[in-house]
PDB file of N, CA and C in Angstrom:
ATOM      1  N   MET A   1      -0.400  -9.749 -28.845  1.00  0.00           N
ATOM      2  CA  MET A   1      -0.578  -8.460 -28.515  1.00  0.00           C
ATOM      3  C   MET A   1      -1.009  -8.548 -26.882  1.00  0.00           C
ATOM      4  N   LYS A   2      -0.990  -8.417 -25.963  1.00  0.00           N
ATOM      5  CA  LYS A   2      -0.600  -8.065 -24.319  1.00  0.00           C
ATOM      6  C   LYS A   2      -2.179  -7.630 -24.317  1.00  0.00           C
ATOM      7  N   GLN A   3      -2.648  -7.975 -23.144  1.00  0.00           N
ATOM      8  CA  GLN A   3      -3.860  -7.531 -22.550  1.00  0.00           C
ATOM      9  C   GLN A   3      -3.330  -7.025 -21.687  1.00  0.00           C
ATOM     10  N   TYR A   4      -3.786  -5.604 -20.676  1.00  0.00           N
ATOM     11  CA  TYR A   4      -4.035  -5.039 -19.364  1.00  0.00           C
ATOM     12  C   TYR A   4      -4.564  -4.763 -19.775  1.00  0.00           C
ATOM     13  N   GLU A   5      -5.159  -4.514 -18.106  1.00  0.00           N
ATOM     14  CA  GLU A   5      -5.408  -3.810 -17.028  1.00  0.00           C
ATOM     15  C   GLU A   5      -5.766  -2.121 -16.647  1.00  0.00           C
ATOM     16  N   LEU A   6      -5.854  -1.272 -16.973  1.00  0.00           N
ATOM     17  CA  LEU A   6      -5.352   0.238 -16.999  1.00  0.00           C
ATOM     18  C   LEU A   6      -5.824   0.446 -16.127  1.00  0.00           C
ATOM     19  N   ILE A   7      -4.861   1.016 -15.380  1.00  0.00           N
ATOM     20  CA  ILE A   7      -5.853   2.617 -14.382  1.00  0.00           C
ATOM     21  C   ILE A   7      -5.815   3.498 -14.467  1.00  0.00           C
ATOM     22  N   ARG A   8      -6.141   4.669 -14.895  1.00  0.00           N
ATOM     23  CA  ARG A   8      -5.513   6.220 -15.032  1.00  0.00           C
ATOM     24  C   ARG A   8      -6.284   6.900 -13.957  1.00  0.00           C
ATOM     25  N   GLU A   9      -5.688   7.868 -13.458  1.00  0.00           N
ATOM     26  CA  GLU A   9      -6.037   8.291 -12.166  1.00  0.00           C
ATOM     27  C   GLU A   9      -5.973  10.186 -12.576  1.00  0.00           C
ATOM     28  N   ILE A  10      -6.480  11.099 -12.177  1.00  0.00           N
ATOM     29  CA  ILE A  10      -6.459  12.108 -13.283  1.00  0.00           C
ATOM     30  C   ILE A  10      -6.394  13.371 -11.039  1.00  0.00           C
ATOM     31  N   PHE A  11      -5.333  13.328 -11.201  1.00  0.00           N
ATOM     32  CA  PHE A  11      -5.187  14.035  -9.636  1.00  0.00           C
ATOM     33  C   PHE A  11      -6.310  15.554 -10.044  1.00  0.00           C
ATOM     34  N   ASN A  12      -6.444  16.036  -8.516  1.00  0.00           N
ATOM     35  CA  ASN A  12      -7.667  17.658  -8.744  1.00  0.00           C
ATOM     36  C   ASN A  12      -6.301  17.917  -7.974  1.00  0.00           C
ATOM     37  N   GLN A  13      -6.792  18.836  -8.817  1.00  0.00           N
ATOM     38  CA  GLN A  13      -5.205  20.593  -8.715  1.00  0.00           C
ATOM     39  C   GLN A  13      -6.026  21.480  -7.700  1.00  0.00           C
ATOM     40  N   CYS A  14      -6.797  21.091  -7.169  1.00  0.00           N
ATOM     41  CA  CYS A  14      -7.555  22.062  -6.169  1.00  0.00           C
ATOM     42  C   CYS A  14      -6.523  21.589  -5.254  1.00  0.00           C
ATOM     43  N   SER A  15      -5.996  22.752  -4.108  1.00  0.00           N
ATOM     44  CA  SER A  15      -5.578  22.373  -2.363  1.00  0.00           C
ATOM     45  C   SER A  15      -6.391  22.478  -1.405  1.00  0.00           C
ATOM     46  N   GLY A  16      -5.751  21.300  -1.239  1.00  0.00           N
ATOM     47  CA  GLY A  16      -6.278  20.182  -0.074  1.00  0.00           C
ATOM     48  C   GLY A  16      -7.654  19.365  -0.508  1.00  0.00           C
ATOM     49  N   ASN A  17      -7.759  19.335  -1.946  1.00  0.00           N
ATOM     50  CA  ASN A  17      -8.822  18.356  -2.315  1.00  0.00           C
ATOM     51  C   ASN A  17      -7.886  17.355  -2.957  1.00  0.00           C
ATOM     52  N   GLN A  18      -7.864  16.458  -2.086  1.00  0.00           N
ATOM     53  CA  GLN A  18      -7.504  14.519  -2.327  1.00  0.00           C
ATOM     54  C   GLN A  18      -7.655  13.670  -3.386  1.00  0.00           C
ATOM     55  N   MET A  19      -9.238  13.879  -3.175  1.00  0.00           N
ATOM     56  CA  MET A  19     -10.129  13.765  -4.490  1.00  0.00           C
ATOM     57  C   MET A  19      -8.858  13.676  -5.871  1.00  0.00           C
ATOM     58  N   ARG A  20      -9.245  12.266  -6.436  1.00  0.00           N
ATOM     59  CA  ARG A  20      -9.160  11.749  -7.649  1.00  0.00           C
ATOM     60  C   ARG A  20     -10.160  11.695  -8.609  1.00  0.00           C
ATOM     61  N   ASP A  21      -9.940  11.837  -9.774  1.00  0.00           N
ATOM     62  CA  ASP A  21     -11.232  10.759 -11.043  1.00  0.00           C
ATOM     63  C   ASP A  21      -9.805   9.692 -10.965  1.00  0.00           C
ATOM     64  N   VAL A  22     -11.140   8.568 -10.806  1.00  0.00           N
ATOM     65  CA  VAL A  22     -10.028   7.381 -11.573  1.00  0.00           C
ATOM     66  C   VAL A  22     -11.453   6.999 -12.455  1.00  0.00           C
ATOM     67  N   PHE A  23     -10.563   5.617 -13.444  1.00  0.00           N
ATOM     68  CA  PHE A  23     -10.836   5.429 -14.730  1.00  0.00           C
ATOM     69  C   PHE A  23     -10.688   3.744 -14.972  1.00  0.00           C
ATOM     70  N   VAL A  24     -10.354   2.384 -15.111  1.00  0.00           N
ATOM     71  CA  VAL A  24     -10.772   1.518 -15.208  1.00  0.00           C
ATOM     72  C   VAL A  24     -10.871   0.841 -16.480  1.00  0.00           C
ATOM     73  N   SER A  25      -9.878   0.622 -17.501  1.00  0.00           N
ATOM     74  CA  SER A  25     -10.333  -0.387 -18.308  1.00  0.00           C
ATOM     75  C   SER A  25      -9.286  -1.196 -18.829  1.00  0.00           C
ATOM     76  N   GLU A  26      -9.726  -1.994 -19.818  1.00  0.00           N
ATOM     77  CA  GLU A  26      -9.199  -3.834 -20.188  1.00  0.00           C
ATOM     78  C   GLU A  26      -8.145  -2.328 -21.997  1.00  0.00           C
ATOM     79  N   ILE A  27      -6.968  -3.278 -22.472  1.00  0.00           N
ATOM     80  CA  ILE A  27      -6.686  -2.695 -23.082  1.00  0.00           C
ATOM     81  C   ILE A  27      -5.733  -3.869 -23.570  1.00  0.00           C
ATOM     82  N   GLN A  28      -5.690  -3.729 -25.411  1.00  0.00           N
ATOM     83  CA  GLN A  28      -3.983  -4.475 -26.250  1.00  0.00           C
ATOM     84  C   GLN A  28      -3.356  -3.490 -26.729  1.00  0.00           C
ATOM     85  N   THR A  29      -1.979  -3.937 -26.454  1.00  0.00           N
ATOM     86  CA  THR A  29      -1.045  -3.265 -27.210  1.00  0.00           C
ATOM     87  C   THR A  29       0.070  -4.202 -26.538  1.00  0.00           C
ATOM     88  N   ASP A  30       1.479  -4.367 -27.881  1.00  0.00           N
ATOM     89  CA  ASP A  30       2.154  -4.349 -27.737  1.00  0.00           C
ATOM     90  C   ASP A  30       3.499  -3.424 -27.521  1.00  0.00           C
ATOM     91  N   ASP A  31       2.716  -2.680 -27.420  1.00  0.00           N
ATOM     92  CA  ASP A  31       4.184  -0.648 -26.769  1.00  0.00           C
ATOM     93  C   ASP A  31       2.940   0.059 -25.859  1.00  0.00           C
ATOM     94  N   THR A  32       3.613   0.014 -25.050  1.00  0.00           N
ATOM     95  CA  THR A  32       2.711   1.225 -23.627  1.00  0.00           C
ATOM     96  C   THR A  32       2.802   1.642 -23.817  1.00  0.00           C
ATOM     97  N   ASP A  33       4.392   1.815 -24.516  1.00  0.00           N
ATOM     98  CA  ASP A  33       4.885   4.231 -24.662  1.00  0.00           C
ATOM     99  C   ASP A  33       4.032   4.551 -26.086  1.00  0.00           C
ATOM    100  N   GLU A  34       3.747   3.519 -27.150  1.00  0.00           N
ATOM    101  CA  GLU A  34       3.370   4.333 -28.486  1.00  0.00           C
ATOM    102  C   GLU A  34       1.987   4.441 -27.220  1.00  0.00           C
ATOM    103  N   TYR A  35       1.334   3.595 -27.046  1.00  0.00           N
ATOM    104  CA  TYR A  35      -0.965   4.234 -26.002  1.00  0.00           C
ATOM    105  C   TYR A  35      -0.679   5.024 -26.174  1.00  0.00           C
ATOM    106  N   VAL A  36       0.595   5.340 -24.145  1.00  0.00           N
ATOM    107  CA  VAL A  36       0.840   7.135 -24.113  1.00  0.00           C
ATOM    108  C   VAL A  36       0.807   7.838 -24.784  1.00  0.00           C
ATOM    109  N   LYS A  37       1.416   7.757 -26.397  1.00  0.00           N
ATOM    110  CA  LYS A  37       1.536   8.659 -26.696  1.00  0.00           C
ATOM    111  C   LYS A  37       0.735   9.605 -26.930  1.00  0.00           C
ATOM    112  N   ALA A  38      -0.654   8.799 -27.237  1.00  0.00           N
ATOM    113  CA  ALA A  38      -1.493   9.559 -27.764  1.00  0.00           C
ATOM    114  C   ALA A  38      -2.458  10.403 -26.699  1.00  0.00           C
ATOM    115  N   PHE A  39      -1.803  10.571 -24.648  1.00  0.00           N
ATOM    116  CA  PHE A  39      -2.069  11.245 -24.145  1.00  0.00           C
ATOM    117  C   PHE A  39      -1.390  12.538 -23.831  1.00  0.00           C
ATOM    118  N   LEU A  40       0.027  12.485 -24.984  1.00  0.00           N
ATOM    119  CA  LEU A  40       0.886  13.367 -24.753  1.00  0.00           C
ATOM    120  C   LEU A  40       0.182  14.828 -25.453  1.00  0.00           C
ATOM    121  N   VAL A  41      -0.443  15.644 -25.182  1.00  0.00           N
ATOM    122  CA  VAL A  41      -0.792  16.302 -26.527  1.00  0.00           C
ATOM    123  C   VAL A  41      -1.382  17.567 -25.454  1.00  0.00           C
ATOM    124  N   GLY A  42      -1.111  18.559 -25.513  1.00  0.00           N
ATOM    125  CA  GLY A  42      -0.079  20.073 -24.604  1.00  0.00           C
ATOM    126  C   GLY A  42       0.639  20.187 -25.021  1.00  0.00           C
ATOM    127  N   SER A  43       1.285  21.599 -24.609  1.00  0.00           N
ATOM    128  CA  SER A  43       2.174  22.425 -24.610  1.00  0.00           C
ATOM    129  C   SER A  43       3.760  22.429 -24.098  1.00  0.00           C
ATOM    130  N   ASP A  44       3.136  22.312 -22.570  1.00  0.00           N
ATOM    131  CA  ASP A  44       4.287  21.545 -21.193  1.00  0.00           C
ATOM    132  C   ASP A  44       3.893  20.141 -21.315  1.00  0.00           C
ATOM    133  N   VAL A  45       4.271  19.569 -21.820  1.00  0.00           N
ATOM    134  CA  VAL A  45       4.368  17.980 -21.058  1.00  0.00           C
ATOM    135  C   VAL A  45       5.146  17.232 -21.007  1.00  0.00           C
ATOM    136  N   ASN A  46       4.989  16.942 -19.826  1.00  0.00           N
ATOM    137  CA  ASN A  46       6.252  16.012 -18.859  1.00  0.00           C
ATOM    138  C   ASN A  46       6.028  14.664 -18.919  1.00  0.00           C
ATOM    139  N   PHE A  47       7.067  13.438 -18.448  1.00  0.00           N
ATOM    140  CA  PHE A  47       5.759  12.280 -18.019  1.00  0.00           C
ATOM    141  C   PHE A  47       7.732  11.434 -17.333  1.00  0.00           C
ATOM    142  N   THR A  48       7.199   9.861 -17.168  1.00  0.00           N
ATOM    143  CA  THR A  48       7.902   9.880 -16.151  1.00  0.00           C
ATOM    144  C   THR A  48       7.556   8.005 -16.187  1.00  0.00           C
ATOM    145  N   LYS A  49       8.632   6.722 -16.401  1.00  0.00           N
ATOM    146  CA  LYS A  49       8.221   6.079 -16.263  1.00  0.00           C
ATOM    147  C   LYS A  49       9.421   5.285 -15.668  1.00  0.00           C
ATOM    148  N   THR A  50       8.100   4.388 -14.953  1.00  0.00           N
ATOM    149  CA  THR A  50       7.740   3.641 -13.437  1.00  0.00           C
ATOM    150  C   THR A  50       7.911   1.750 -14.166  1.00  0.00           C
ATOM    151  N   ILE A  51       9.048   1.015 -14.025  1.00  0.00           N
ATOM    152  CA  ILE A  51       9.146  -0.350 -14.198  1.00  0.00           C
ATOM    153  C   ILE A  51       8.949  -0.588 -12.602  1.00  0.00           C
ATOM    154  N   THR A  52       7.411  -0.984 -11.729  1.00  0.00           N
ATOM    155  CA  THR A  52       7.572  -1.666 -10.665  1.00  0.00           C
ATOM    156  C   THR A  52       8.518  -3.559 -10.807  1.00  0.00           C
ATOM    157  N   LYS A  53       9.298  -3.846  -9.957  1.00  0.00           N
ATOM    158  CA  LYS A  53       9.745  -5.415  -9.790  1.00  0.00           C
ATOM    159  C   LYS A  53       8.577  -6.166 -10.290  1.00  0.00           C
ATOM    160  N   GLU A  54       7.439  -6.070  -9.459  1.00  0.00           N
ATOM    161  CA  GLU A  54       6.311  -6.889 -10.025  1.00  0.00           C
ATOM    162  C   GLU A  54       5.500  -7.032 -11.834  1.00  0.00           C
ATOM    163  N   GLY A  55       6.738  -5.886 -12.397  1.00  0.00           N
ATOM    164  CA  GLY A  55       6.120  -5.620 -14.044  1.00  0.00           C
ATOM    165  C   GLY A  55       5.478  -5.263 -14.120  1.00  0.00           C
ATOM    166  N   ALA A  56       4.506  -4.325 -13.769  1.00  0.00           N
ATOM    167  CA  ALA A  56       3.605  -3.284 -13.650  1.00  0.00           C
ATOM    168  C   ALA A  56       4.605  -1.837 -14.008  1.00  0.00           C
ATOM    169  N   VAL A  57       3.602  -1.359 -15.743  1.00  0.00           N
ATOM    170  CA  VAL A  57       4.564  -0.697 -15.963  1.00  0.00           C
ATOM    171  C   VAL A  57       3.803   1.094 -15.571  1.00  0.00           C
ATOM    172  N   ILE A  58       3.826   2.128 -14.844  1.00  0.00           N
ATOM    173  CA  ILE A  58       3.256   3.095 -14.611  1.00  0.00           C
ATOM    174  C   ILE A  58       4.329   3.986 -15.266  1.00  0.00           C
ATOM    175  N   TYR A  59       3.369   5.087 -15.829  1.00  0.00           N
ATOM    176  CA  TYR A  59       3.515   6.265 -16.619  1.00  0.00           C
ATOM    177  C   TYR A  59       3.169   7.916 -15.440  1.00  0.00           C
ATOM    178  N   ASP A  60       3.889   8.256 -14.804  1.00  0.00           N
ATOM    179  CA  ASP A  60       3.279  10.247 -14.002  1.00  0.00           C
ATOM    180  C   ASP A  60       3.819  11.347 -15.849  1.00  0.00           C
ATOM    181  N   LEU A  61       2.231  11.131 -15.603  1.00  0.00           N
ATOM    182  CA  LEU A  61       2.067  12.693 -16.391  1.00  0.00           C
ATOM    183  C   LEU A  61       2.095  13.518 -15.802  1.00  0.00           C
ATOM    184  N   THR A  62       2.538  14.968 -16.421  1.00  0.00           N
ATOM    185  CA  THR A  62       1.915  16.559 -16.403  1.00  0.00           C
ATOM    186  C   THR A  62       1.702  16.745 -17.748  1.00  0.00           C
ATOM    187  N   ILE A  63       0.554  17.575 -17.830  1.00  0.00           N
ATOM    188  CA  ILE A  63       0.120  17.693 -19.466  1.00  0.00           C
ATOM    189  C   ILE A  63      -0.893  19.047 -19.154  1.00  0.00           C
ATOM    190  N   ASP A  64       0.311  20.737 -19.504  1.00  0.00           N
ATOM    191  CA  ASP A  64      -0.166  21.640 -19.488  1.00  0.00           C
ATOM    192  C   ASP A  64      -0.803  22.340 -17.822  1.00  0.00           C
ATOM    193  N   GLY A  65      -0.290  21.391 -16.596  1.00  0.00           N
ATOM    194  CA  GLY A  65      -0.585  21.499 -15.363  1.00  0.00           C
ATOM    195  C   GLY A  65      -0.876  20.386 -14.504  1.00  0.00           C
ATOM    196  N   MET A  66      -1.578  19.774 -15.663  1.00  0.00           N
ATOM    197  CA  MET A  66      -2.774  18.638 -15.342  1.00  0.00           C
ATOM    198  C   MET A  66      -1.662  16.800 -14.825  1.00  0.00           C
ATOM    199  N   ARG A  67      -1.876  16.757 -13.618  1.00  0.00           N
ATOM    200  CA  ARG A  67      -1.723  15.644 -13.511  1.00  0.00           C
ATOM    201  C   ARG A  67      -1.970  14.421 -13.542  1.00  0.00           C
ATOM    202  N   GLN A  68      -1.167  13.340 -14.225  1.00  0.00           N
ATOM    203  CA  GLN A  68      -2.289  11.985 -14.334  1.00  0.00           C
ATOM    204  C   GLN A  68      -1.205  10.862 -14.323  1.00  0.00           C
ATOM    205  N   ARG A  69      -1.652   9.922 -13.904  1.00  0.00           N
ATOM    206  CA  ARG A  69      -0.884   8.319 -14.335  1.00  0.00           C
ATOM    207  C   ARG A  69      -2.328   7.285 -14.289  1.00  0.00           C
ATOM    208  N   LEU A  70      -0.910   6.809 -15.513  1.00  0.00           N
ATOM    209  CA  LEU A  70      -1.867   5.255 -16.053  1.00  0.00           C
ATOM    210  C   LEU A  70      -0.545   4.480 -15.793  1.00  0.00           C
ATOM    211  N   SER A  71      -1.465   3.220 -15.176  1.00  0.00           N
ATOM    212  CA  SER A  71      -0.997   2.274 -14.551  1.00  0.00           C
ATOM    213  C   SER A  71      -1.114   0.708 -14.879  1.00  0.00           C
ATOM    214  N   PHE A  72      -0.521  -0.015 -15.509  1.00  0.00           N
ATOM    215  CA  PHE A  72      -0.891  -0.994 -17.113  1.00  0.00           C
ATOM    216  C   PHE A  72      -0.197  -1.648 -16.226  1.00  0.00           C
ATOM    217  N   THR A  73      -0.709  -3.501 -16.003  1.00  0.00           N
ATOM    218  CA  THR A  73      -0.870  -4.025 -15.552  1.00  0.00           C
ATOM    219  C   THR A  73      -0.960  -5.479 -16.084  1.00  0.00           C
ATOM    220  N   CYS A  74      -0.129  -5.774 -16.633  1.00  0.00           N
ATOM    221  CA  CYS A  74      -0.083  -7.711 -17.779  1.00  0.00           C
ATOM    222  C   CYS A  74      -1.554  -8.109 -16.993  1.00  0.00           C
ATOM    223  N   GLU A  75      -2.185  -8.824 -17.463  1.00  0.00           N
ATOM    224  CA  GLU A  75      -2.950 -10.024 -17.336  1.00  0.00           C
ATOM    225  C   GLU A  75      -2.077 -11.031 -17.540  1.00  0.00           C
ATOM    226  N   SER A  76      -2.559 -12.492 -17.001  1.00  0.00           N
ATOM    227  CA  SER A  76      -2.027 -14.168 -16.869  1.00  0.00           C
ATOM    228  C   SER A  76      -2.715 -14.368 -18.623  1.00  0.00           C
ATOM    229  N   SER A  77      -2.559 -15.575 -18.465  1.00  0.00           N
ATOM    230  CA  SER A  77      -2.784 -15.399 -20.334  1.00  0.00           C
ATOM    231  C   SER A  77      -3.397 -16.954 -19.439  1.00  0.00           C
TER     232      SER A  77
END
């Protein structure tokens, strides 16, 4: 299993408010897609996946109107 630093950002839906909740944790997984599926619960779900040139995997989620971003950075062994 790979060790990742996960940053989860939940964007504030109030207009004019740029604050967001940010949670940082360390997780172990072999498949970030499978890990993200646990977050994709709702009646209106959309997401995009981006892999940066540095190797970070970023998921932008919109679930029933709530925007979130999950950023996975693989930790060195």
